[in-house]
Amino acid sequence: VAVTDGFTGNAVLKAIEGTASAIV
């Protein structure tokens, strides 16, 4: 469980999803 505030969490989520999509 990775805990953070909503602003940071949304940025982390989009960075992970964007990176995964870009690598593929």
PDBML (XML) file of the C-alpha atoms, coordinates in Angstrom:
<?xml version="1.0" encoding="UTF-8" ?>
<PDBx:datablock datablockName="MODEL"
   xmlns:PDBx="http://pdbml.pdb.org/schema/pdbx-v50.xsd"
   xmlns:xsi="http://www.w3.org/2001/XMLSchema-instance"
   xsi:schemaLocation="http://pdbml.pdb.org/schema/pdbx-v50.xsd pdbx-v50.xsd">
   <PDBx:atom_siteCategory>
      <PDBx:atom_site id="1">
         <PDBx:B_iso_or_equiv>0.00</PDBx:B_iso_or_equiv>
         <PDBx:Cartn_x>0.000</PDBx:Cartn_x>
         <PDBx:Cartn_y>0.000</PDBx:Cartn_y>
         <PDBx:Cartn_z>0.000</PDBx:Cartn_z>
         <PDBx:auth_asym_id>A</PDBx:auth_asym_id>
         <PDBx:auth_atom_id>CA</PDBx:auth_atom_id>
         <PDBx:auth_comp_id>VAL</PDBx:auth_comp_id>
         <PDBx:auth_seq_id>1</PDBx:auth_seq_id>
         <PDBx:group_PDB>ATOM</PDBx:group_PDB>
         <PDBx:label_alt_id xsi:nil="true" />
         <PDBx:label_asym_id>A</PDBx:label_asym_id>
         <PDBx:label_atom_id>CA</PDBx:label_atom_id>
         <PDBx:label_comp_id>VAL</PDBx:label_comp_id>
         <PDBx:label_entity_id>1</PDBx:label_entity_id>
         <PDBx:label_seq_id>1</PDBx:label_seq_id>
         <PDBx:occupancy>1.00</PDBx:occupancy>
         <PDBx:pdbx_PDB_model_num>1</PDBx:pdbx_PDB_model_num>
         <PDBx:type_symbol>C</PDBx:type_symbol>
      </PDBx:atom_site>
      <PDBx:atom_site id="2">
         <PDBx:B_iso_or_equiv>0.00</PDBx:B_iso_or_equiv>
         <PDBx:Cartn_x>1.630</PDBx:Cartn_x>
         <PDBx:Cartn_y>3.244</PDBx:Cartn_y>
         <PDBx:Cartn_z>-1.150</PDBx:Cartn_z>
         <PDBx:auth_asym_id>A</PDBx:auth_asym_id>
         <PDBx:auth_atom_id>CA</PDBx:auth_atom_id>
         <PDBx:auth_comp_id>ALA</PDBx:auth_comp_id>
         <PDBx:auth_seq_id>2</PDBx:auth_seq_id>
         <PDBx:group_PDB>ATOM</PDBx:group_PDB>
         <PDBx:label_alt_id xsi:nil="true" />
         <PDBx:label_asym_id>A</PDBx:label_asym_id>
         <PDBx:label_atom_id>CA</PDBx:label_atom_id>
         <PDBx:label_comp_id>ALA</PDBx:label_comp_id>
         <PDBx:label_entity_id>1</PDBx:label_entity_id>
         <PDBx:label_seq_id>2</PDBx:label_seq_id>
         <PDBx:occupancy>1.00</PDBx:occupancy>
         <PDBx:pdbx_PDB_model_num>1</PDBx:pdbx_PDB_model_num>
         <PDBx:type_symbol>C</PDBx:type_symbol>
      </PDBx:atom_site>
      <PDBx:atom_site id="3">
         <PDBx:B_iso_or_equiv>0.00</PDBx:B_iso_or_equiv>
         <PDBx:Cartn_x>0.143</PDBx:Cartn_x>
         <PDBx:Cartn_y>6.220</PDBx:Cartn_y>
         <PDBx:Cartn_z>0.692</PDBx:Cartn_z>
         <PDBx:auth_asym_id>A</PDBx:auth_asym_id>
         <PDBx:auth_atom_id>CA</PDBx:auth_atom_id>
         <PDBx:auth_comp_id>VAL</PDBx:auth_comp_id>
         <PDBx:auth_seq_id>3</PDBx:auth_seq_id>
         <PDBx:group_PDB>ATOM</PDBx:group_PDB>
         <PDBx:label_alt_id xsi:nil="true" />
         <PDBx:label_asym_id>A</PDBx:label_asym_id>
         <PDBx:label_atom_id>CA</PDBx:label_atom_id>
         <PDBx:label_comp_id>VAL</PDBx:label_comp_id>
         <PDBx:label_entity_id>1</PDBx:label_entity_id>
         <PDBx:label_seq_id>3</PDBx:label_seq_id>
         <PDBx:occupancy>1.00</PDBx:occupancy>
         <PDBx:pdbx_PDB_model_num>1</PDBx:pdbx_PDB_model_num>
         <PDBx:type_symbol>C</PDBx:type_symbol>
      </PDBx:atom_site>
      <PDBx:atom_site id="4">
         <PDBx:B_iso_or_equiv>0.00</PDBx:B_iso_or_equiv>
         <PDBx:Cartn_x>0.308</PDBx:Cartn_x>
         <PDBx:Cartn_y>9.831</PDBx:Cartn_y>
         <PDBx:Cartn_z>-0.458</PDBx:Cartn_z>
         <PDBx:auth_asym_id>A</PDBx:auth_asym_id>
         <PDBx:auth_atom_id>CA</PDBx:auth_atom_id>
         <PDBx:auth_comp_id>THR</PDBx:auth_comp_id>
         <PDBx:auth_seq_id>4</PDBx:auth_seq_id>
         <PDBx:group_PDB>ATOM</PDBx:group_PDB>
         <PDBx:label_alt_id xsi:nil="true" />
         <PDBx:label_asym_id>A</PDBx:label_asym_id>
         <PDBx:label_atom_id>CA</PDBx:label_atom_id>
         <PDBx:label_comp_id>THR</PDBx:label_comp_id>
         <PDBx:label_entity_id>1</PDBx:label_entity_id>
         <PDBx:label_seq_id>4</PDBx:label_seq_id>
         <PDBx:occupancy>1.00</PDBx:occupancy>
         <PDBx:pdbx_PDB_model_num>1</PDBx:pdbx_PDB_model_num>
         <PDBx:type_symbol>C</PDBx:type_symbol>
      </PDBx:atom_site>
      <PDBx:atom_site id="5">
         <PDBx:B_iso_or_equiv>0.00</PDBx:B_iso_or_equiv>
         <PDBx:Cartn_x>-1.782</PDBx:Cartn_x>
         <PDBx:Cartn_y>12.965</PDBx:Cartn_y>
         <PDBx:Cartn_z>-0.904</PDBx:Cartn_z>
         <PDBx:auth_asym_id>A</PDBx:auth_asym_id>
         <PDBx:auth_atom_id>CA</PDBx:auth_atom_id>
         <PDBx:auth_comp_id>ASP</PDBx:auth_comp_id>
         <PDBx:auth_seq_id>5</PDBx:auth_seq_id>
         <PDBx:group_PDB>ATOM</PDBx:group_PDB>
         <PDBx:label_alt_id xsi:nil="true" />
         <PDBx:label_asym_id>A</PDBx:label_asym_id>
         <PDBx:label_atom_id>CA</PDBx:label_atom_id>
         <PDBx:label_comp_id>ASP</PDBx:label_comp_id>
         <PDBx:label_entity_id>1</PDBx:label_entity_id>
         <PDBx:label_seq_id>5</PDBx:label_seq_id>
         <PDBx:occupancy>1.00</PDBx:occupancy>
         <PDBx:pdbx_PDB_model_num>1</PDBx:pdbx_PDB_model_num>
         <PDBx:type_symbol>C</PDBx:type_symbol>
      </PDBx:atom_site>
      <PDBx:atom_site id="6">
         <PDBx:B_iso_or_equiv>0.00</PDBx:B_iso_or_equiv>
         <PDBx:Cartn_x>-4.196</PDBx:Cartn_x>
         <PDBx:Cartn_y>13.060</PDBx:Cartn_y>
         <PDBx:Cartn_z>-3.835</PDBx:Cartn_z>
         <PDBx:auth_asym_id>A</PDBx:auth_asym_id>
         <PDBx:auth_atom_id>CA</PDBx:auth_atom_id>
         <PDBx:auth_comp_id>GLY</PDBx:auth_comp_id>
         <PDBx:auth_seq_id>6</PDBx:auth_seq_id>
         <PDBx:group_PDB>ATOM</PDBx:group_PDB>
         <PDBx:label_alt_id xsi:nil="true" />
         <PDBx:label_asym_id>A</PDBx:label_asym_id>
         <PDBx:label_atom_id>CA</PDBx:label_atom_id>
         <PDBx:label_comp_id>GLY</PDBx:label_comp_id>
         <PDBx:label_entity_id>1</PDBx:label_entity_id>
         <PDBx:label_seq_id>6</PDBx:label_seq_id>
         <PDBx:occupancy>1.00</PDBx:occupancy>
         <PDBx:pdbx_PDB_model_num>1</PDBx:pdbx_PDB_model_num>
         <PDBx:type_symbol>C</PDBx:type_symbol>
      </PDBx:atom_site>
      <PDBx:atom_site id="7">
         <PDBx:B_iso_or_equiv>0.00</PDBx:B_iso_or_equiv>
         <PDBx:Cartn_x>-2.236</PDBx:Cartn_x>
         <PDBx:Cartn_y>15.590</PDBx:Cartn_y>
         <PDBx:Cartn_z>-5.895</PDBx:Cartn_z>
         <PDBx:auth_asym_id>A</PDBx:auth_asym_id>
         <PDBx:auth_atom_id>CA</PDBx:auth_atom_id>
         <PDBx:auth_comp_id>PHE</PDBx:auth_comp_id>
         <PDBx:auth_seq_id>7</PDBx:auth_seq_id>
         <PDBx:group_PDB>ATOM</PDBx:group_PDB>
         <PDBx:label_alt_id xsi:nil="true" />
         <PDBx:label_asym_id>A</PDBx:label_asym_id>
         <PDBx:label_atom_id>CA</PDBx:label_atom_id>
         <PDBx:label_comp_id>PHE</PDBx:label_comp_id>
         <PDBx:label_entity_id>1</PDBx:label_entity_id>
         <PDBx:label_seq_id>7</PDBx:label_seq_id>
         <PDBx:occupancy>1.00</PDBx:occupancy>
         <PDBx:pdbx_PDB_model_num>1</PDBx:pdbx_PDB_model_num>
         <PDBx:type_symbol>C</PDBx:type_symbol>
      </PDBx:atom_site>
      <PDBx:atom_site id="8">
         <PDBx:B_iso_or_equiv>0.00</PDBx:B_iso_or_equiv>
         <PDBx:Cartn_x>0.996</PDBx:Cartn_x>
         <PDBx:Cartn_y>13.592</PDBx:Cartn_y>
         <PDBx:Cartn_z>-5.699</PDBx:Cartn_z>
         <PDBx:auth_asym_id>A</PDBx:auth_asym_id>
         <PDBx:auth_atom_id>CA</PDBx:auth_atom_id>
         <PDBx:auth_comp_id>THR</PDBx:auth_comp_id>
         <PDBx:auth_seq_id>8</PDBx:auth_seq_id>
         <PDBx:group_PDB>ATOM</PDBx:group_PDB>
         <PDBx:label_alt_id xsi:nil="true" />
         <PDBx:label_asym_id>A</PDBx:label_asym_id>
         <PDBx:label_atom_id>CA</PDBx:label_atom_id>
         <PDBx:label_comp_id>THR</PDBx:label_comp_id>
         <PDBx:label_entity_id>1</PDBx:label_entity_id>
         <PDBx:label_seq_id>8</PDBx:label_seq_id>
         <PDBx:occupancy>1.00</PDBx:occupancy>
         <PDBx:pdbx_PDB_model_num>1</PDBx:pdbx_PDB_model_num>
         <PDBx:type_symbol>C</PDBx:type_symbol>
      </PDBx:atom_site>
      <PDBx:atom_site id="9">
         <PDBx:B_iso_or_equiv>0.00</PDBx:B_iso_or_equiv>
         <PDBx:Cartn_x>-0.809</PDBx:Cartn_x>
         <PDBx:Cartn_y>10.289</PDBx:Cartn_y>
         <PDBx:Cartn_z>-6.132</PDBx:Cartn_z>
         <PDBx:auth_asym_id>A</PDBx:auth_asym_id>
         <PDBx:auth_atom_id>CA</PDBx:auth_atom_id>
         <PDBx:auth_comp_id>GLY</PDBx:auth_comp_id>
         <PDBx:auth_seq_id>9</PDBx:auth_seq_id>
         <PDBx:group_PDB>ATOM</PDBx:group_PDB>
         <PDBx:label_alt_id xsi:nil="true" />
         <PDBx:label_asym_id>A</PDBx:label_asym_id>
         <PDBx:label_atom_id>CA</PDBx:label_atom_id>
         <PDBx:label_comp_id>GLY</PDBx:label_comp_id>
         <PDBx:label_entity_id>1</PDBx:label_entity_id>
         <PDBx:label_seq_id>9</PDBx:label_seq_id>
         <PDBx:occupancy>1.00</PDBx:occupancy>
         <PDBx:pdbx_PDB_model_num>1</PDBx:pdbx_PDB_model_num>
         <PDBx:type_symbol>C</PDBx:type_symbol>
      </PDBx:atom_site>
      <PDBx:atom_site id="10">
         <PDBx:B_iso_or_equiv>0.00</PDBx:B_iso_or_equiv>
         <PDBx:Cartn_x>-2.504</PDBx:Cartn_x>
         <PDBx:Cartn_y>11.399</PDBx:Cartn_y>
         <PDBx:Cartn_z>-9.325</PDBx:Cartn_z>
         <PDBx:auth_asym_id>A</PDBx:auth_asym_id>
         <PDBx:auth_atom_id>CA</PDBx:auth_atom_id>
         <PDBx:auth_comp_id>ASN</PDBx:auth_comp_id>
         <PDBx:auth_seq_id>10</PDBx:auth_seq_id>
         <PDBx:group_PDB>ATOM</PDBx:group_PDB>
         <PDBx:label_alt_id xsi:nil="true" />
         <PDBx:label_asym_id>A</PDBx:label_asym_id>
         <PDBx:label_atom_id>CA</PDBx:label_atom_id>
         <PDBx:label_comp_id>ASN</PDBx:label_comp_id>
         <PDBx:label_entity_id>1</PDBx:label_entity_id>
         <PDBx:label_seq_id>10</PDBx:label_seq_id>
         <PDBx:occupancy>1.00</PDBx:occupancy>
         <PDBx:pdbx_PDB_model_num>1</PDBx:pdbx_PDB_model_num>
         <PDBx:type_symbol>C</PDBx:type_symbol>
      </PDBx:atom_site>
      <PDBx:atom_site id="11">
         <PDBx:B_iso_or_equiv>0.00</PDBx:B_iso_or_equiv>
         <PDBx:Cartn_x>0.829</PDBx:Cartn_x>
         <PDBx:Cartn_y>12.575</PDBx:Cartn_y>
         <PDBx:Cartn_z>-10.748</PDBx:Cartn_z>
         <PDBx:auth_asym_id>A</PDBx:auth_asym_id>
         <PDBx:auth_atom_id>CA</PDBx:auth_atom_id>
         <PDBx:auth_comp_id>ALA</PDBx:auth_comp_id>
         <PDBx:auth_seq_id>11</PDBx:auth_seq_id>
         <PDBx:group_PDB>ATOM</PDBx:group_PDB>
         <PDBx:label_alt_id xsi:nil="true" />
         <PDBx:label_asym_id>A</PDBx:label_asym_id>
         <PDBx:label_atom_id>CA</PDBx:label_atom_id>
         <PDBx:label_comp_id>ALA</PDBx:label_comp_id>
         <PDBx:label_entity_id>1</PDBx:label_entity_id>
         <PDBx:label_seq_id>11</PDBx:label_seq_id>
         <PDBx:occupancy>1.00</PDBx:occupancy>
         <PDBx:pdbx_PDB_model_num>1</PDBx:pdbx_PDB_model_num>
         <PDBx:type_symbol>C</PDBx:type_symbol>
      </PDBx:atom_site>
      <PDBx:atom_site id="12">
         <PDBx:B_iso_or_equiv>0.00</PDBx:B_iso_or_equiv>
         <PDBx:Cartn_x>2.469</PDBx:Cartn_x>
         <PDBx:Cartn_y>9.252</PDBx:Cartn_y>
         <PDBx:Cartn_z>-9.823</PDBx:Cartn_z>
         <PDBx:auth_asym_id>A</PDBx:auth_asym_id>
         <PDBx:auth_atom_id>CA</PDBx:auth_atom_id>
         <PDBx:auth_comp_id>VAL</PDBx:auth_comp_id>
         <PDBx:auth_seq_id>12</PDBx:auth_seq_id>
         <PDBx:group_PDB>ATOM</PDBx:group_PDB>
         <PDBx:label_alt_id xsi:nil="true" />
         <PDBx:label_asym_id>A</PDBx:label_asym_id>
         <PDBx:label_atom_id>CA</PDBx:label_atom_id>
         <PDBx:label_comp_id>VAL</PDBx:label_comp_id>
         <PDBx:label_entity_id>1</PDBx:label_entity_id>
         <PDBx:label_seq_id>12</PDBx:label_seq_id>
         <PDBx:occupancy>1.00</PDBx:occupancy>
         <PDBx:pdbx_PDB_model_num>1</PDBx:pdbx_PDB_model_num>
         <PDBx:type_symbol>C</PDBx:type_symbol>
      </PDBx:atom_site>
      <PDBx:atom_site id="13">
         <PDBx:B_iso_or_equiv>0.00</PDBx:B_iso_or_equiv>
         <PDBx:Cartn_x>-0.395</PDBx:Cartn_x>
         <PDBx:Cartn_y>7.276</PDBx:Cartn_y>
         <PDBx:Cartn_z>-11.359</PDBx:Cartn_z>
         <PDBx:auth_asym_id>A</PDBx:auth_asym_id>
         <PDBx:auth_atom_id>CA</PDBx:auth_atom_id>
         <PDBx:auth_comp_id>LEU</PDBx:auth_comp_id>
         <PDBx:auth_seq_id>13</PDBx:auth_seq_id>
         <PDBx:group_PDB>ATOM</PDBx:group_PDB>
         <PDBx:label_alt_id xsi:nil="true" />
         <PDBx:label_asym_id>A</PDBx:label_asym_id>
         <PDBx:label_atom_id>CA</PDBx:label_atom_id>
         <PDBx:label_comp_id>LEU</PDBx:label_comp_id>
         <PDBx:label_entity_id>1</PDBx:label_entity_id>
         <PDBx:label_seq_id>13</PDBx:label_seq_id>
         <PDBx:occupancy>1.00</PDBx:occupancy>
         <PDBx:pdbx_PDB_model_num>1</PDBx:pdbx_PDB_model_num>
         <PDBx:type_symbol>C</PDBx:type_symbol>
      </PDBx:atom_site>
      <PDBx:atom_site id="14">
         <PDBx:B_iso_or_equiv>0.00</PDBx:B_iso_or_equiv>
         <PDBx:Cartn_x>-0.285</PDBx:Cartn_x>
         <PDBx:Cartn_y>9.157</PDBx:Cartn_y>
         <PDBx:Cartn_z>-14.657</PDBx:Cartn_z>
         <PDBx:auth_asym_id>A</PDBx:auth_asym_id>
         <PDBx:auth_atom_id>CA</PDBx:auth_atom_id>
         <PDBx:auth_comp_id>LYS</PDBx:auth_comp_id>
         <PDBx:auth_seq_id>14</PDBx:auth_seq_id>
         <PDBx:group_PDB>ATOM</PDBx:group_PDB>
         <PDBx:label_alt_id xsi:nil="true" />
         <PDBx:label_asym_id>A</PDBx:label_asym_id>
         <PDBx:label_atom_id>CA</PDBx:label_atom_id>
         <PDBx:label_comp_id>LYS</PDBx:label_comp_id>
         <PDBx:label_entity_id>1</PDBx:label_entity_id>
         <PDBx:label_seq_id>14</PDBx:label_seq_id>
         <PDBx:occupancy>1.00</PDBx:occupancy>
         <PDBx:pdbx_PDB_model_num>1</PDBx:pdbx_PDB_model_num>
         <PDBx:type_symbol>C</PDBx:type_symbol>
      </PDBx:atom_site>
      <PDBx:atom_site id="15">
         <PDBx:B_iso_or_equiv>0.00</PDBx:B_iso_or_equiv>
         <PDBx:Cartn_x>3.504</PDBx:Cartn_x>
         <PDBx:Cartn_y>8.940</PDBx:Cartn_y>
         <PDBx:Cartn_z>-14.823</PDBx:Cartn_z>
         <PDBx:auth_asym_id>A</PDBx:auth_asym_id>
         <PDBx:auth_atom_id>CA</PDBx:auth_atom_id>
         <PDBx:auth_comp_id>ALA</PDBx:auth_comp_id>
         <PDBx:auth_seq_id>15</PDBx:auth_seq_id>
         <PDBx:group_PDB>ATOM</PDBx:group_PDB>
         <PDBx:label_alt_id xsi:nil="true" />
         <PDBx:label_asym_id>A</PDBx:label_asym_id>
         <PDBx:label_atom_id>CA</PDBx:label_atom_id>
         <PDBx:label_comp_id>ALA</PDBx:label_comp_id>
         <PDBx:label_entity_id>1</PDBx:label_entity_id>
         <PDBx:label_seq_id>15</PDBx:label_seq_id>
         <PDBx:occupancy>1.00</PDBx:occupancy>
         <PDBx:pdbx_PDB_model_num>1</PDBx:pdbx_PDB_model_num>
         <PDBx:type_symbol>C</PDBx:type_symbol>
      </PDBx:atom_site>
      <PDBx:atom_site id="16">
         <PDBx:B_iso_or_equiv>0.00</PDBx:B_iso_or_equiv>
         <PDBx:Cartn_x>3.403</PDBx:Cartn_x>
         <PDBx:Cartn_y>5.161</PDBx:Cartn_y>
         <PDBx:Cartn_z>-14.338</PDBx:Cartn_z>
         <PDBx:auth_asym_id>A</PDBx:auth_asym_id>
         <PDBx:auth_atom_id>CA</PDBx:auth_atom_id>
         <PDBx:auth_comp_id>ILE</PDBx:auth_comp_id>
         <PDBx:auth_seq_id>16</PDBx:auth_seq_id>
         <PDBx:group_PDB>ATOM</PDBx:group_PDB>
         <PDBx:label_alt_id xsi:nil="true" />
         <PDBx:label_asym_id>A</PDBx:label_asym_id>
         <PDBx:label_atom_id>CA</PDBx:label_atom_id>
         <PDBx:label_comp_id>ILE</PDBx:label_comp_id>
         <PDBx:label_entity_id>1</PDBx:label_entity_id>
         <PDBx:label_seq_id>16</PDBx:label_seq_id>
         <PDBx:occupancy>1.00</PDBx:occupancy>
         <PDBx:pdbx_PDB_model_num>1</PDBx:pdbx_PDB_model_num>
         <PDBx:type_symbol>C</PDBx:type_symbol>
      </PDBx:atom_site>
      <PDBx:atom_site id="17">
         <PDBx:B_iso_or_equiv>0.00</PDBx:B_iso_or_equiv>
         <PDBx:Cartn_x>0.617</PDBx:Cartn_x>
         <PDBx:Cartn_y>4.634</PDBx:Cartn_y>
         <PDBx:Cartn_z>-16.868</PDBx:Cartn_z>
         <PDBx:auth_asym_id>A</PDBx:auth_asym_id>
         <PDBx:auth_atom_id>CA</PDBx:auth_atom_id>
         <PDBx:auth_comp_id>GLU</PDBx:auth_comp_id>
         <PDBx:auth_seq_id>17</PDBx:auth_seq_id>
         <PDBx:group_PDB>ATOM</PDBx:group_PDB>
         <PDBx:label_alt_id xsi:nil="true" />
         <PDBx:label_asym_id>A</PDBx:label_asym_id>
         <PDBx:label_atom_id>CA</PDBx:label_atom_id>
         <PDBx:label_comp_id>GLU</PDBx:label_comp_id>
         <PDBx:label_entity_id>1</PDBx:label_entity_id>
         <PDBx:label_seq_id>17</PDBx:label_seq_id>
         <PDBx:occupancy>1.00</PDBx:occupancy>
         <PDBx:pdbx_PDB_model_num>1</PDBx:pdbx_PDB_model_num>
         <PDBx:type_symbol>C</PDBx:type_symbol>
      </PDBx:atom_site>
      <PDBx:atom_site id="18">
         <PDBx:B_iso_or_equiv>0.00</PDBx:B_iso_or_equiv>
         <PDBx:Cartn_x>2.235</PDBx:Cartn_x>
         <PDBx:Cartn_y>6.945</PDBx:Cartn_y>
         <PDBx:Cartn_z>-19.392</PDBx:Cartn_z>
         <PDBx:auth_asym_id>A</PDBx:auth_asym_id>
         <PDBx:auth_atom_id>CA</PDBx:auth_atom_id>
         <PDBx:auth_comp_id>GLY</PDBx:auth_comp_id>
         <PDBx:auth_seq_id>18</PDBx:auth_seq_id>
         <PDBx:group_PDB>ATOM</PDBx:group_PDB>
         <PDBx:label_alt_id xsi:nil="true" />
         <PDBx:label_asym_id>A</PDBx:label_asym_id>
         <PDBx:label_atom_id>CA</PDBx:label_atom_id>
         <PDBx:label_comp_id>GLY</PDBx:label_comp_id>
         <PDBx:label_entity_id>1</PDBx:label_entity_id>
         <PDBx:label_seq_id>18</PDBx:label_seq_id>
         <PDBx:occupancy>1.00</PDBx:occupancy>
         <PDBx:pdbx_PDB_model_num>1</PDBx:pdbx_PDB_model_num>
         <PDBx:type_symbol>C</PDBx:type_symbol>
      </PDBx:atom_site>
      <PDBx:atom_site id="19">
         <PDBx:B_iso_or_equiv>0.00</PDBx:B_iso_or_equiv>
         <PDBx:Cartn_x>5.665</PDBx:Cartn_x>
         <PDBx:Cartn_y>5.331</PDBx:Cartn_y>
         <PDBx:Cartn_z>-19.023</PDBx:Cartn_z>
         <PDBx:auth_asym_id>A</PDBx:auth_asym_id>
         <PDBx:auth_atom_id>CA</PDBx:auth_atom_id>
         <PDBx:auth_comp_id>THR</PDBx:auth_comp_id>
         <PDBx:auth_seq_id>19</PDBx:auth_seq_id>
         <PDBx:group_PDB>ATOM</PDBx:group_PDB>
         <PDBx:label_alt_id xsi:nil="true" />
         <PDBx:label_asym_id>A</PDBx:label_asym_id>
         <PDBx:label_atom_id>CA</PDBx:label_atom_id>
         <PDBx:label_comp_id>THR</PDBx:label_comp_id>
         <PDBx:label_entity_id>1</PDBx:label_entity_id>
         <PDBx:label_seq_id>19</PDBx:label_seq_id>
         <PDBx:occupancy>1.00</PDBx:occupancy>
         <PDBx:pdbx_PDB_model_num>1</PDBx:pdbx_PDB_model_num>
         <PDBx:type_symbol>C</PDBx:type_symbol>
      </PDBx:atom_site>
      <PDBx:atom_site id="20">
         <PDBx:B_iso_or_equiv>0.00</PDBx:B_iso_or_equiv>
         <PDBx:Cartn_x>4.285</PDBx:Cartn_x>
         <PDBx:Cartn_y>1.801</PDBx:Cartn_y>
         <PDBx:Cartn_z>-19.383</PDBx:Cartn_z>
         <PDBx:auth_asym_id>A</PDBx:auth_asym_id>
         <PDBx:auth_atom_id>CA</PDBx:auth_atom_id>
         <PDBx:auth_comp_id>ALA</PDBx:auth_comp_id>
         <PDBx:auth_seq_id>20</PDBx:auth_seq_id>
         <PDBx:group_PDB>ATOM</PDBx:group_PDB>
         <PDBx:label_alt_id xsi:nil="true" />
         <PDBx:label_asym_id>A</PDBx:label_asym_id>
         <PDBx:label_atom_id>CA</PDBx:label_atom_id>
         <PDBx:label_comp_id>ALA</PDBx:label_comp_id>
         <PDBx:label_entity_id>1</PDBx:label_entity_id>
         <PDBx:label_seq_id>20</PDBx:label_seq_id>
         <PDBx:occupancy>1.00</PDBx:occupancy>
         <PDBx:pdbx_PDB_model_num>1</PDBx:pdbx_PDB_model_num>
         <PDBx:type_symbol>C</PDBx:type_symbol>
      </PDBx:atom_site>
      <PDBx:atom_site id="21">
         <PDBx:B_iso_or_equiv>0.00</PDBx:B_iso_or_equiv>
         <PDBx:Cartn_x>2.375</PDBx:Cartn_x>
         <PDBx:Cartn_y>2.782</PDBx:Cartn_y>
         <PDBx:Cartn_z>-22.516</PDBx:Cartn_z>
         <PDBx:auth_asym_id>A</PDBx:auth_asym_id>
         <PDBx:auth_atom_id>CA</PDBx:auth_atom_id>
         <PDBx:auth_comp_id>SER</PDBx:auth_comp_id>
         <PDBx:auth_seq_id>21</PDBx:auth_seq_id>
         <PDBx:group_PDB>ATOM</PDBx:group_PDB>
         <PDBx:label_alt_id xsi:nil="true" />
         <PDBx:label_asym_id>A</PDBx:label_asym_id>
         <PDBx:label_atom_id>CA</PDBx:label_atom_id>
         <PDBx:label_comp_id>SER</PDBx:label_comp_id>
         <PDBx:label_entity_id>1</PDBx:label_entity_id>
         <PDBx:label_seq_id>21</PDBx:label_seq_id>
         <PDBx:occupancy>1.00</PDBx:occupancy>
         <PDBx:pdbx_PDB_model_num>1</PDBx:pdbx_PDB_model_num>
         <PDBx:type_symbol>C</PDBx:type_symbol>
      </PDBx:atom_site>
      <PDBx:atom_site id="22">
         <PDBx:B_iso_or_equiv>0.00</PDBx:B_iso_or_equiv>
         <PDBx:Cartn_x>5.397</PDBx:Cartn_x>
         <PDBx:Cartn_y>4.582</PDBx:Cartn_y>
         <PDBx:Cartn_z>-23.985</PDBx:Cartn_z>
         <PDBx:auth_asym_id>A</PDBx:auth_asym_id>
         <PDBx:auth_atom_id>CA</PDBx:auth_atom_id>
         <PDBx:auth_comp_id>ALA</PDBx:auth_comp_id>
         <PDBx:auth_seq_id>22</PDBx:auth_seq_id>
         <PDBx:group_PDB>ATOM</PDBx:group_PDB>
         <PDBx:label_alt_id xsi:nil="true" />
         <PDBx:label_asym_id>A</PDBx:label_asym_id>
         <PDBx:label_atom_id>CA</PDBx:label_atom_id>
         <PDBx:label_comp_id>ALA</PDBx:label_comp_id>
         <PDBx:label_entity_id>1</PDBx:label_entity_id>
         <PDBx:label_seq_id>22</PDBx:label_seq_id>
         <PDBx:occupancy>1.00</PDBx:occupancy>
         <PDBx:pdbx_PDB_model_num>1</PDBx:pdbx_PDB_model_num>
         <PDBx:type_symbol>C</PDBx:type_symbol>
      </PDBx:atom_site>
      <PDBx:atom_site id="23">
         <PDBx:B_iso_or_equiv>0.00</PDBx:B_iso_or_equiv>
         <PDBx:Cartn_x>7.734</PDBx:Cartn_x>
         <PDBx:Cartn_y>1.615</PDBx:Cartn_y>
         <PDBx:Cartn_z>-23.425</PDBx:Cartn_z>
         <PDBx:auth_asym_id>A</PDBx:auth_asym_id>
         <PDBx:auth_atom_id>CA</PDBx:auth_atom_id>
         <PDBx:auth_comp_id>ILE</PDBx:auth_comp_id>
         <PDBx:auth_seq_id>23</PDBx:auth_seq_id>
         <PDBx:group_PDB>ATOM</PDBx:group_PDB>
         <PDBx:label_alt_id xsi:nil="true" />
         <PDBx:label_asym_id>A</PDBx:label_asym_id>
         <PDBx:label_atom_id>CA</PDBx:label_atom_id>
         <PDBx:label_comp_id>ILE</PDBx:label_comp_id>
         <PDBx:label_entity_id>1</PDBx:label_entity_id>
         <PDBx:label_seq_id>23</PDBx:label_seq_id>
         <PDBx:occupancy>1.00</PDBx:occupancy>
         <PDBx:pdbx_PDB_model_num>1</PDBx:pdbx_PDB_model_num>
         <PDBx:type_symbol>C</PDBx:type_symbol>
      </PDBx:atom_site>
      <PDBx:atom_site id="24">
         <PDBx:B_iso_or_equiv>0.00</PDBx:B_iso_or_equiv>
         <PDBx:Cartn_x>5.360</PDBx:Cartn_x>
         <PDBx:Cartn_y>-0.807</PDBx:Cartn_y>
         <PDBx:Cartn_z>-25.131</PDBx:Cartn_z>
         <PDBx:auth_asym_id>A</PDBx:auth_asym_id>
         <PDBx:auth_atom_id>CA</PDBx:auth_atom_id>
         <PDBx:auth_comp_id>VAL</PDBx:auth_comp_id>
         <PDBx:auth_seq_id>24</PDBx:auth_seq_id>
         <PDBx:group_PDB>ATOM</PDBx:group_PDB>
         <PDBx:label_alt_id xsi:nil="true" />
         <PDBx:label_asym_id>A</PDBx:label_asym_id>
         <PDBx:label_atom_id>CA</PDBx:label_atom_id>
         <PDBx:label_comp_id>VAL</PDBx:label_comp_id>
         <PDBx:label_entity_id>1</PDBx:label_entity_id>
         <PDBx:label_seq_id>24</PDBx:label_seq_id>
         <PDBx:occupancy>1.00</PDBx:occupancy>
         <PDBx:pdbx_PDB_model_num>1</PDBx:pdbx_PDB_model_num>
         <PDBx:type_symbol>C</PDBx:type_symbol>
      </PDBx:atom_site>
   </PDBx:atom_siteCategory>
</PDBx:datablock>
